[in-house]
Full PDB file with SEQRES, HELIX, SHEET, SSBOND, CRYST1, ORIGX, SCALE, CONECT and MASTER records, all heavy atoms in Angstrom:
SEQRES   1 A   37  VAL ASP ALA GLU LYS HIS TYR ARG VAL LEU ALA GLU LYS          
SEQRES   2 A   37  LEU GLY GLY ALA VAL THR THR GLN THR THR ARG PRO LEU          
SEQRES   3 A   37  TYR ALA TYR TYR GLN GLN LEU ALA ARG PHE LEU                  
HELIX    1 AA1 ALA A    3  GLY A   15  1                                  13    
HELIX    2 AA2 ARG A   24  PHE A   36  1                                  13    
CRYST1    1.000    1.000    1.000  90.00  90.00  90.00 P 1           1          
ORIGX1      1.000000  0.000000  0.000000        0.00000                         
ORIGX2      0.000000  1.000000  0.000000        0.00000                         
ORIGX3      0.000000  0.000000  1.000000        0.00000                         
SCALE1      1.000000  0.000000  0.000000        0.00000                         
SCALE2      0.000000  1.000000  0.000000        0.00000                         
SCALE3      0.000000  0.000000  1.000000        0.00000                         
ATOM      1  N   VAL A   1      84.163  77.761 119.847  1.00  0.00           N  
ATOM      2  CA  VAL A   1      84.546  76.851 118.869  1.00  0.00           C  
ATOM      3  C   VAL A   1      85.886  77.318 118.176  1.00  0.00           C  
ATOM      4  O   VAL A   1      86.089  78.528 118.019  1.00  0.00           O  
ATOM      5  CB  VAL A   1      83.453  76.653 117.760  1.00  0.00           C  
ATOM      6  CG1 VAL A   1      82.137  76.020 118.372  1.00  0.00           C  
ATOM      7  CG2 VAL A   1      83.239  77.868 116.939  1.00  0.00           C  
ATOM      8  N   ASP A   2      86.751  76.503 117.856  1.00  0.00           N  
ATOM      9  CA  ASP A   2      87.937  76.701 117.284  1.00  0.00           C  
ATOM     10  C   ASP A   2      87.975  76.658 115.716  1.00  0.00           C  
ATOM     11  O   ASP A   2      88.188  75.655 115.113  1.00  0.00           O  
ATOM     12  CB  ASP A   2      89.161  75.777 117.809  1.00  0.00           C  
ATOM     13  CG  ASP A   2      90.511  76.260 117.365  1.00  0.00           C  
ATOM     14  OD1 ASP A   2      90.670  77.147 116.396  1.00  0.00           O  
ATOM     15  OD2 ASP A   2      91.429  75.688 118.052  1.00  0.00           O  
ATOM     16  N   ALA A   3      87.396  77.699 115.040  1.00  0.00           N  
ATOM     17  CA  ALA A   3      87.070  77.568 113.640  1.00  0.00           C  
ATOM     18  C   ALA A   3      88.355  77.490 112.883  1.00  0.00           C  
ATOM     19  O   ALA A   3      88.517  76.876 111.771  1.00  0.00           O  
ATOM     20  CB  ALA A   3      86.243  78.863 113.164  1.00  0.00           C  
ATOM     21  N   GLU A   4      89.486  78.189 113.426  1.00  0.00           N  
ATOM     22  CA  GLU A   4      90.719  78.119 112.674  1.00  0.00           C  
ATOM     23  C   GLU A   4      91.192  76.657 112.596  1.00  0.00           C  
ATOM     24  O   GLU A   4      91.540  76.182 111.459  1.00  0.00           O  
ATOM     25  CB  GLU A   4      91.802  78.960 113.395  1.00  0.00           C  
ATOM     26  CG  GLU A   4      93.140  78.842 112.741  1.00  0.00           C  
ATOM     27  CD  GLU A   4      94.226  79.592 113.662  1.00  0.00           C  
ATOM     28  OE1 GLU A   4      93.947  79.902 114.653  1.00  0.00           O  
ATOM     29  OE2 GLU A   4      95.402  79.534 113.144  1.00  0.00           O  
ATOM     30  N   LYS A   5      91.202  76.005 113.614  1.00  0.00           N  
ATOM     31  CA  LYS A   5      91.636  74.649 113.667  1.00  0.00           C  
ATOM     32  C   LYS A   5      90.726  73.721 112.870  1.00  0.00           C  
ATOM     33  O   LYS A   5      91.087  72.803 112.223  1.00  0.00           O  
ATOM     34  CB  LYS A   5      91.817  74.102 115.082  1.00  0.00           C  
ATOM     35  CG  LYS A   5      92.198  72.617 115.095  1.00  0.00           C  
ATOM     36  CD  LYS A   5      92.418  72.088 116.602  1.00  0.00           C  
ATOM     37  CE  LYS A   5      92.887  70.588 116.693  1.00  0.00           C  
ATOM     38  NZ  LYS A   5      92.836  70.099 118.069  1.00  0.00           N  
ATOM     39  N   HIS A   6      89.421  73.848 113.002  1.00  0.00           N  
ATOM     40  CA  HIS A   6      88.343  73.053 112.404  1.00  0.00           C  
ATOM     41  C   HIS A   6      88.540  73.080 110.871  1.00  0.00           C  
ATOM     42  O   HIS A   6      88.570  71.967 110.311  1.00  0.00           O  
ATOM     43  CB  HIS A   6      86.946  73.682 112.723  1.00  0.00           C  
ATOM     44  CG  HIS A   6      85.915  72.817 112.134  1.00  0.00           C  
ATOM     45  ND1 HIS A   6      85.278  71.640 112.746  1.00  0.00           N  
ATOM     46  CD2 HIS A   6      85.158  73.012 110.967  1.00  0.00           C  
ATOM     47  CE1 HIS A   6      84.386  71.111 111.884  1.00  0.00           C  
ATOM     48  NE2 HIS A   6      84.332  71.983 110.874  1.00  0.00           N  
ATOM     49  N   TYR A   7      88.682  74.144 110.302  1.00  0.00           N  
ATOM     50  CA  TYR A   7      88.833  74.312 108.809  1.00  0.00           C  
ATOM     51  C   TYR A   7      90.303  73.899 108.337  1.00  0.00           C  
ATOM     52  O   TYR A   7      90.311  73.355 107.310  1.00  0.00           O  
ATOM     53  CB  TYR A   7      88.425  75.626 108.357  1.00  0.00           C  
ATOM     54  CG  TYR A   7      86.980  75.867 108.446  1.00  0.00           C  
ATOM     55  CD1 TYR A   7      86.343  76.843 109.394  1.00  0.00           C  
ATOM     56  CD2 TYR A   7      86.119  75.163 107.742  1.00  0.00           C  
ATOM     57  CE1 TYR A   7      85.029  77.095 109.440  1.00  0.00           C  
ATOM     58  CE2 TYR A   7      84.676  75.350 107.800  1.00  0.00           C  
ATOM     59  CZ  TYR A   7      84.242  76.326 108.754  1.00  0.00           C  
ATOM     60  OH  TYR A   7      82.843  76.592 108.835  1.00  0.00           O  
ATOM     61  N   ARG A   8      91.285  73.994 109.279  1.00  0.00           N  
ATOM     62  CA  ARG A   8      92.629  73.618 108.830  1.00  0.00           C  
ATOM     63  C   ARG A   8      92.582  72.093 108.677  1.00  0.00           C  
ATOM     64  O   ARG A   8      93.091  71.507 107.772  1.00  0.00           O  
ATOM     65  CB  ARG A   8      93.577  73.940 109.858  1.00  0.00           C  
ATOM     66  CG  ARG A   8      95.018  73.417 109.601  1.00  0.00           C  
ATOM     67  CD  ARG A   8      96.047  74.391 110.457  1.00  0.00           C  
ATOM     68  NE  ARG A   8      95.676  74.712 111.796  1.00  0.00           N  
ATOM     69  CZ  ARG A   8      95.516  73.775 112.850  1.00  0.00           C  
ATOM     70  NH1 ARG A   8      96.161  72.597 112.664  1.00  0.00           N  
ATOM     71  NH2 ARG A   8      95.341  74.107 113.943  1.00  0.00           N  
ATOM     72  N   VAL A   9      92.065  71.429 109.721  1.00  0.00           N  
ATOM     73  CA  VAL A   9      91.879  69.946 109.804  1.00  0.00           C  
ATOM     74  C   VAL A   9      90.989  69.467 108.566  1.00  0.00           C  
ATOM     75  O   VAL A   9      91.457  68.418 107.938  1.00  0.00           O  
ATOM     76  CB  VAL A   9      91.317  69.510 111.124  1.00  0.00           C  
ATOM     77  CG1 VAL A   9      91.090  67.908 110.991  1.00  0.00           C  
ATOM     78  CG2 VAL A   9      92.252  69.782 112.181  1.00  0.00           C  
ATOM     79  N   LEU A  10      90.027  70.159 108.309  1.00  0.00           N  
ATOM     80  CA  LEU A  10      89.193  69.847 107.204  1.00  0.00           C  
ATOM     81  C   LEU A  10      89.924  69.998 105.894  1.00  0.00           C  
ATOM     82  O   LEU A  10      89.799  68.970 104.954  1.00  0.00           O  
ATOM     83  CB  LEU A  10      88.060  70.709 107.159  1.00  0.00           C  
ATOM     84  CG  LEU A  10      86.998  70.424 105.933  1.00  0.00           C  
ATOM     85  CD1 LEU A  10      86.467  69.071 105.787  1.00  0.00           C  
ATOM     86  CD2 LEU A  10      85.792  71.380 105.923  1.00  0.00           C  
ATOM     87  N   ALA A  11      90.687  70.983 105.679  1.00  0.00           N  
ATOM     88  CA  ALA A  11      91.489  71.169 104.425  1.00  0.00           C  
ATOM     89  C   ALA A  11      92.555  69.927 104.221  1.00  0.00           C  
ATOM     90  O   ALA A  11      92.649  69.399 103.155  1.00  0.00           O  
ATOM     91  CB  ALA A  11      92.281  72.478 104.493  1.00  0.00           C  
ATOM     92  N   GLU A  12      93.107  69.523 105.362  1.00  0.00           N  
ATOM     93  CA  GLU A  12      93.966  68.425 105.270  1.00  0.00           C  
ATOM     94  C   GLU A  12      93.295  67.064 104.878  1.00  0.00           C  
ATOM     95  O   GLU A  12      93.716  66.279 104.014  1.00  0.00           O  
ATOM     96  CB  GLU A  12      94.694  68.166 106.605  1.00  0.00           C  
ATOM     97  CG  GLU A  12      95.685  69.352 107.022  1.00  0.00           C  
ATOM     98  CD  GLU A  12      96.176  69.206 108.388  1.00  0.00           C  
ATOM     99  OE1 GLU A  12      95.671  68.359 109.170  1.00  0.00           O  
ATOM    100  OE2 GLU A  12      96.911  70.112 108.844  1.00  0.00           O  
ATOM    101  N   LYS A  13      92.041  66.937 105.478  1.00  0.00           N  
ATOM    102  CA  LYS A  13      91.283  65.785 105.140  1.00  0.00           C  
ATOM    103  C   LYS A  13      90.843  65.703 103.637  1.00  0.00           C  
ATOM    104  O   LYS A  13      90.898  64.666 102.976  1.00  0.00           O  
ATOM    105  CB  LYS A  13      90.073  65.723 106.011  1.00  0.00           C  
ATOM    106  CG  LYS A  13      89.169  64.415 105.863  1.00  0.00           C  
ATOM    107  CD  LYS A  13      88.064  64.501 106.785  1.00  0.00           C  
ATOM    108  CE  LYS A  13      88.470  64.256 108.182  1.00  0.00           C  
ATOM    109  NZ  LYS A  13      87.376  64.169 109.185  1.00  0.00           N  
ATOM    110  N   LEU A  14      90.479  66.849 103.177  1.00  0.00           N  
ATOM    111  CA  LEU A  14      90.026  66.932 101.719  1.00  0.00           C  
ATOM    112  C   LEU A  14      91.236  66.654 100.764  1.00  0.00           C  
ATOM    113  O   LEU A  14      91.129  66.238  99.699  1.00  0.00           O  
ATOM    114  CB  LEU A  14      89.332  68.205 101.417  1.00  0.00           C  
ATOM    115  CG  LEU A  14      88.002  68.457 102.071  1.00  0.00           C  
ATOM    116  CD1 LEU A  14      87.562  69.916 101.896  1.00  0.00           C  
ATOM    117  CD2 LEU A  14      86.923  67.616 101.622  1.00  0.00           C  
ATOM    118  N   GLY A  15      92.394  67.203 101.220  1.00  0.00           N  
ATOM    119  CA  GLY A  15      93.548  66.912 100.506  1.00  0.00           C  
ATOM    120  C   GLY A  15      94.034  65.383 100.295  1.00  0.00           C  
ATOM    121  O   GLY A  15      94.724  65.114  99.338  1.00  0.00           O  
ATOM    122  N   GLY A  16      93.469  64.593 101.276  1.00  0.00           N  
ATOM    123  CA  GLY A  16      93.767  63.177 101.110  1.00  0.00           C  
ATOM    124  C   GLY A  16      92.593  62.363 100.441  1.00  0.00           C  
ATOM    125  O   GLY A  16      92.763  61.271 100.377  1.00  0.00           O  
ATOM    126  N   ALA A  17      91.605  62.999  99.865  1.00  0.00           N  
ATOM    127  CA  ALA A  17      90.565  62.384  99.303  1.00  0.00           C  
ATOM    128  C   ALA A  17      90.953  61.704  97.902  1.00  0.00           C  
ATOM    129  O   ALA A  17      91.871  62.289  97.335  1.00  0.00           O  
ATOM    130  CB  ALA A  17      89.330  63.340  99.061  1.00  0.00           C  
ATOM    131  N   VAL A  18      90.400  60.592  97.710  1.00  0.00           N  
ATOM    132  CA  VAL A  18      90.608  59.957  96.331  1.00  0.00           C  
ATOM    133  C   VAL A  18      89.677  60.736  95.319  1.00  0.00           C  
ATOM    134  O   VAL A  18      88.480  60.774  95.496  1.00  0.00           O  
ATOM    135  CB  VAL A  18      90.309  58.499  96.361  1.00  0.00           C  
ATOM    136  CG1 VAL A  18      90.461  57.806  94.955  1.00  0.00           C  
ATOM    137  CG2 VAL A  18      91.140  57.756  97.435  1.00  0.00           C  
ATOM    138  N   THR A  19      90.260  61.259  94.240  1.00  0.00           N  
ATOM    139  CA  THR A  19      89.644  62.026  93.275  1.00  0.00           C  
ATOM    140  C   THR A  19      89.450  61.275  91.886  1.00  0.00           C  
ATOM    141  O   THR A  19      90.270  60.403  91.717  1.00  0.00           O  
ATOM    142  CB  THR A  19      90.133  63.477  93.136  1.00  0.00           C  
ATOM    143  OG1 THR A  19      91.481  63.296  92.518  1.00  0.00           O  
ATOM    144  CG2 THR A  19      90.373  64.049  94.457  1.00  0.00           C  
ATOM    145  N   THR A  20      88.418  61.778  91.094  1.00  0.00           N  
ATOM    146  CA  THR A  20      88.443  61.299  89.733  1.00  0.00           C  
ATOM    147  C   THR A  20      88.502  62.581  88.901  1.00  0.00           C  
ATOM    148  O   THR A  20      88.521  63.777  89.368  1.00  0.00           O  
ATOM    149  CB  THR A  20      87.074  60.531  89.439  1.00  0.00           C  
ATOM    150  OG1 THR A  20      86.058  61.495  89.748  1.00  0.00           O  
ATOM    151  CG2 THR A  20      86.892  59.305  90.483  1.00  0.00           C  
ATOM    152  N   GLN A  21      88.426  62.392  87.538  1.00  0.00           N  
ATOM    153  CA  GLN A  21      88.444  63.465  86.704  1.00  0.00           C  
ATOM    154  C   GLN A  21      87.260  64.408  86.897  1.00  0.00           C  
ATOM    155  O   GLN A  21      87.242  65.693  86.888  1.00  0.00           O  
ATOM    156  CB  GLN A  21      88.517  62.977  85.212  1.00  0.00           C  
ATOM    157  CG  GLN A  21      88.533  64.165  84.252  1.00  0.00           C  
ATOM    158  CD  GLN A  21      88.639  63.552  82.810  1.00  0.00           C  
ATOM    159  OE1 GLN A  21      88.756  62.437  82.497  1.00  0.00           O  
ATOM    160  NE2 GLN A  21      88.657  64.517  81.802  1.00  0.00           N  
ATOM    161  N   THR A  22      86.144  63.706  87.411  1.00  0.00           N  
ATOM    162  CA  THR A  22      84.945  64.518  87.546  1.00  0.00           C  
ATOM    163  C   THR A  22      85.003  65.384  88.796  1.00  0.00           C  
ATOM    164  O   THR A  22      84.516  66.534  88.780  1.00  0.00           O  
ATOM    165  CB  THR A  22      83.720  63.566  87.590  1.00  0.00           C  
ATOM    166  OG1 THR A  22      83.537  62.860  86.497  1.00  0.00           O  
ATOM    167  CG2 THR A  22      82.410  64.332  87.980  1.00  0.00           C  
ATOM    168  N   THR A  23      85.571  64.902  89.862  1.00  0.00           N  
ATOM    169  CA  THR A  23      85.594  65.577  91.142  1.00  0.00           C  
ATOM    170  C   THR A  23      86.910  66.149  91.534  1.00  0.00           C  
ATOM    171  O   THR A  23      86.861  66.920  92.580  1.00  0.00           O  
ATOM    172  CB  THR A  23      85.256  64.459  92.260  1.00  0.00           C  
ATOM    173  OG1 THR A  23      86.192  63.347  92.228  1.00  0.00           O  
ATOM    174  CG2 THR A  23      83.890  63.929  92.153  1.00  0.00           C  
ATOM    175  N   ARG A  24      87.912  66.085  90.666  1.00  0.00           N  
ATOM    176  CA  ARG A  24      89.055  66.846  90.910  1.00  0.00           C  
ATOM    177  C   ARG A  24      88.866  68.423  91.027  1.00  0.00           C  
ATOM    178  O   ARG A  24      89.454  68.920  92.102  1.00  0.00           O  
ATOM    179  CB  ARG A  24      90.161  66.474  89.847  1.00  0.00           C  
ATOM    180  CG  ARG A  24      91.639  66.676  90.370  1.00  0.00           C  
ATOM    181  CD  ARG A  24      92.570  65.932  89.403  1.00  0.00           C  
ATOM    182  NE  ARG A  24      92.369  64.420  89.670  1.00  0.00           N  
ATOM    183  CZ  ARG A  24      92.126  63.642  88.647  1.00  0.00           C  
ATOM    184  NH1 ARG A  24      91.959  64.052  87.369  1.00  0.00           N  
ATOM    185  NH2 ARG A  24      91.901  62.400  88.844  1.00  0.00           N  
ATOM    186  N   PRO A  25      88.214  69.005  90.267  1.00  0.00           N  
ATOM    187  CA  PRO A  25      87.994  70.439  90.340  1.00  0.00           C  
ATOM    188  C   PRO A  25      87.146  70.765  91.532  1.00  0.00           C  
ATOM    189  O   PRO A  25      87.261  71.812  92.173  1.00  0.00           O  
ATOM    190  CB  PRO A  25      87.365  70.983  88.994  1.00  0.00           C  
ATOM    191  CG  PRO A  25      86.832  69.732  88.539  1.00  0.00           C  
ATOM    192  CD  PRO A  25      87.741  68.592  88.882  1.00  0.00           C  
ATOM    193  N   LEU A  26      86.177  69.859  92.032  1.00  0.00           N  
ATOM    194  CA  LEU A  26      85.466  69.996  93.149  1.00  0.00           C  
ATOM    195  C   LEU A  26      86.187  69.988  94.390  1.00  0.00           C  
ATOM    196  O   LEU A  26      86.093  70.870  95.313  1.00  0.00           O  
ATOM    197  CB  LEU A  26      84.356  68.866  93.199  1.00  0.00           C  
ATOM    198  CG  LEU A  26      83.359  68.922  94.352  1.00  0.00           C  
ATOM    199  CD1 LEU A  26      82.312  69.926  94.169  1.00  0.00           C  
ATOM    200  CD2 LEU A  26      82.772  67.560  94.665  1.00  0.00           C  
ATOM    201  N   TYR A  27      87.102  69.076  94.533  1.00  0.00           N  
ATOM    202  CA  TYR A  27      88.016  69.056  95.751  1.00  0.00           C  
ATOM    203  C   TYR A  27      88.970  70.114  95.742  1.00  0.00           C  
ATOM    204  O   TYR A  27      89.324  70.558  96.790  1.00  0.00           O  
ATOM    205  CB  TYR A  27      88.676  67.591  95.824  1.00  0.00           C  
ATOM    206  CG  TYR A  27      87.859  66.471  96.184  1.00  0.00           C  
ATOM    207  CD1 TYR A  27      87.469  65.438  95.492  1.00  0.00           C  
ATOM    208  CD2 TYR A  27      87.376  66.473  97.591  1.00  0.00           C  
ATOM    209  CE1 TYR A  27      86.717  64.362  95.843  1.00  0.00           C  
ATOM    210  CE2 TYR A  27      86.652  65.414  98.081  1.00  0.00           C  
ATOM    211  CZ  TYR A  27      86.357  64.395  97.218  1.00  0.00           C  
ATOM    212  OH  TYR A  27      85.418  63.384  97.746  1.00  0.00           O  
ATOM    213  N   ALA A  28      89.492  70.474  94.613  1.00  0.00           N  
ATOM    214  CA  ALA A  28      90.423  71.631  94.587  1.00  0.00           C  
ATOM    215  C   ALA A  28      89.841  72.877  95.134  1.00  0.00           C  
ATOM    216  O   ALA A  28      90.472  73.501  95.964  1.00  0.00           O  
ATOM    217  CB  ALA A  28      90.928  71.833  93.128  1.00  0.00           C  
ATOM    218  N   TYR A  29      88.638  73.078  94.684  1.00  0.00           N  
ATOM    219  CA  TYR A  29      87.881  74.285  95.264  1.00  0.00           C  
ATOM    220  C   TYR A  29      87.648  74.119  96.725  1.00  0.00           C  
ATOM    221  O   TYR A  29      87.948  75.160  97.488  1.00  0.00           O  
ATOM    222  CB  TYR A  29      86.533  74.439  94.505  1.00  0.00           C  
ATOM    223  CG  TYR A  29      85.531  75.345  95.208  1.00  0.00           C  
ATOM    224  CD1 TYR A  29      85.800  76.698  95.527  1.00  0.00           C  
ATOM    225  CD2 TYR A  29      84.274  74.825  95.773  1.00  0.00           C  
ATOM    226  CE1 TYR A  29      84.882  77.452  96.262  1.00  0.00           C  
ATOM    227  CE2 TYR A  29      83.405  75.548  96.534  1.00  0.00           C  
ATOM    228  CZ  TYR A  29      83.890  76.873  96.761  1.00  0.00           C  
ATOM    229  OH  TYR A  29      82.890  77.682  97.405  1.00  0.00           O  
ATOM    230  N   TYR A  30      87.168  73.006  97.126  1.00  0.00           N  
ATOM    231  CA  TYR A  30      86.875  72.873  98.652  1.00  0.00           C  
ATOM    232  C   TYR A  30      87.870  72.897  99.589  1.00  0.00           C  
ATOM    233  O   TYR A  30      87.883  73.367 100.640  1.00  0.00           O  
ATOM    234  CB  TYR A  30      85.851  71.571  98.794  1.00  0.00           C  
ATOM    235  CG  TYR A  30      84.317  71.713  98.601  1.00  0.00           C  
ATOM    236  CD1 TYR A  30      83.749  70.961  97.745  1.00  0.00           C  
ATOM    237  CD2 TYR A  30      83.686  72.679  99.333  1.00  0.00           C  
ATOM    238  CE1 TYR A  30      82.368  71.211  97.574  1.00  0.00           C  
ATOM    239  CE2 TYR A  30      82.366  73.101  99.166  1.00  0.00           C  
ATOM    240  CZ  TYR A  30      81.644  72.176  98.376  1.00  0.00           C  
ATOM    241  OH  TYR A  30      80.342  72.408  98.116  1.00  0.00           O  
ATOM    242  N   GLN A  31      88.991  72.446  99.094  1.00  0.00           N  
ATOM    243  CA  GLN A  31      90.332  72.393 100.065  1.00  0.00           C  
ATOM    244  C   GLN A  31      90.748  73.824 100.111  1.00  0.00           C  
ATOM    245  O   GLN A  31      91.143  74.238 101.143  1.00  0.00           O  
ATOM    246  CB  GLN A  31      91.355  71.545  99.257  1.00  0.00           C  
ATOM    247  CG  GLN A  31      92.600  71.352 100.310  1.00  0.00           C  
ATOM    248  CD  GLN A  31      93.704  70.522  99.673  1.00  0.00           C  
ATOM    249  OE1 GLN A  31      93.716  70.296  98.535  1.00  0.00           O  
ATOM    250  NE2 GLN A  31      94.443  69.952 100.480  1.00  0.00           N  
ATOM    251  N   GLN A  32      90.728  74.641  98.867  1.00  0.00           N  
ATOM    252  CA  GLN A  32      91.154  76.036  99.144  1.00  0.00           C  
ATOM    253  C   GLN A  32      90.158  76.867  99.939  1.00  0.00           C  
ATOM    254  O   GLN A  32      90.466  77.734 100.698  1.00  0.00           O  
ATOM    255  CB  GLN A  32      91.171  76.660  97.642  1.00  0.00           C  
ATOM    256  CG  GLN A  32      92.358  76.217  96.846  1.00  0.00           C  
ATOM    257  CD  GLN A  32      92.599  77.076  95.593  1.00  0.00           C  
ATOM    258  OE1 GLN A  32      92.587  78.279  95.709  1.00  0.00           O  
ATOM    259  NE2 GLN A  32      92.764  76.423  94.415  1.00  0.00           N  
ATOM    260  N   LEU A  33      88.901  76.466  99.763  1.00  0.00           N  
ATOM    261  CA  LEU A  33      87.895  77.170 100.687  1.00  0.00           C  
ATOM    262  C   LEU A  33      88.111  76.980 102.152  1.00  0.00           C  
ATOM    263  O   LEU A  33      88.092  77.789 102.901  1.00  0.00           O  
ATOM    264  CB  LEU A  33      86.475  76.653 100.302  1.00  0.00           C  
ATOM    265  CG  LEU A  33      85.262  77.264 101.253  1.00  0.00           C  
ATOM    266  CD1 LEU A  33      85.264  78.764 101.034  1.00  0.00           C  
ATOM    267  CD2 LEU A  33      83.953  76.669 100.722  1.00  0.00           C  
ATOM    268  N   ALA A  34      88.395  75.795 102.469  1.00  0.00           N  
ATOM    269  CA  ALA A  34      88.651  75.413 103.917  1.00  0.00           C  
ATOM    270  C   ALA A  34      89.899  76.086 104.379  1.00  0.00           C  
ATOM    271  O   ALA A  34      89.996  76.589 105.504  1.00  0.00           O  
ATOM    272  CB  ALA A  34      88.838  73.881 104.139  1.00  0.00           C  
ATOM    273  N   ARG A  35      90.854  76.120 103.545  1.00  0.00           N  
ATOM    274  CA  ARG A  35      92.164  76.877 104.000  1.00  0.00           C  
ATOM    275  C   ARG A  35      91.883  78.300 104.146  1.00  0.00           C  
ATOM    276  O   ARG A  35      92.334  78.913 105.130  1.00  0.00           O  
ATOM    277  CB  ARG A  35      93.259  76.524 103.040  1.00  0.00           C  
ATOM    278  CG  ARG A  35      93.838  75.309 102.988  1.00  0.00           C  
ATOM    279  CD  ARG A  35      94.796  75.229 101.671  1.00  0.00           C  
ATOM    280  NE  ARG A  35      95.507  73.837 101.645  1.00  0.00           N  
ATOM    281  CZ  ARG A  35      96.087  73.415 100.638  1.00  0.00           C  
ATOM    282  NH1 ARG A  35      96.048  74.023  99.514  1.00  0.00           N  
ATOM    283  NH2 ARG A  35      96.690  72.268 100.702  1.00  0.00           N  
ATOM    284  N   PHE A  36      91.069  79.012 103.385  1.00  0.00           N  
ATOM    285  CA  PHE A  36      90.732  80.321 103.405  1.00  0.00           C  
ATOM    286  C   PHE A  36      89.948  80.665 104.611  1.00  0.00           C  
ATOM    287  O   PHE A  36      90.250  81.686 105.440  1.00  0.00           O  
ATOM    288  CB  PHE A  36      90.082  80.778 102.149  1.00  0.00           C  
ATOM    289  CG  PHE A  36      89.742  82.221 102.178  1.00  0.00           C  
ATOM    290  CD1 PHE A  36      90.527  83.115 101.689  1.00  0.00           C  
ATOM    291  CD2 PHE A  36      88.445  82.617 102.687  1.00  0.00           C  
ATOM    292  CE1 PHE A  36      90.307  84.569 101.772  1.00  0.00           C  
ATOM    293  CE2 PHE A  36      88.140  84.031 102.625  1.00  0.00           C  
ATOM    294  CZ  PHE A  36      89.004  84.995 102.258  1.00  0.00           C  
ATOM    295  N   LEU A  37      89.026  79.732 104.910  1.00  0.00           N  
ATOM    296  CA  LEU A  37      88.111  79.962 106.181  1.00  0.00           C  
ATOM    297  C   LEU A  37      89.023  79.859 107.403  1.00  0.00           C  
ATOM    298  O   LEU A  37      88.737  80.621 108.317  1.00  0.00           O  
ATOM    299  CB  LEU A  37      87.139  78.931 106.193  1.00  0.00           C  
ATOM    300  CG  LEU A  37      85.953  79.096 105.137  1.00  0.00           C  
ATOM    301  CD1 LEU A  37      84.949  78.000 105.136  1.00  0.00           C  
ATOM    302  CD2 LEU A  37      85.225  80.309 105.149  1.00  0.00           C  
TER     303      LEU A  37                                                      
MASTER        0    0    0    2    0    0    0    6  302    1    0    3          
END                                                                             
């Protein structure tokens, strides 16, 4: 499996999500997590 590509693509997808005040910190964390992985 290509984990590097998988999580890079996921980070890009999360970066394009529509956020609200409630979920903005959630997406900020998850996008950084995907990039780190």
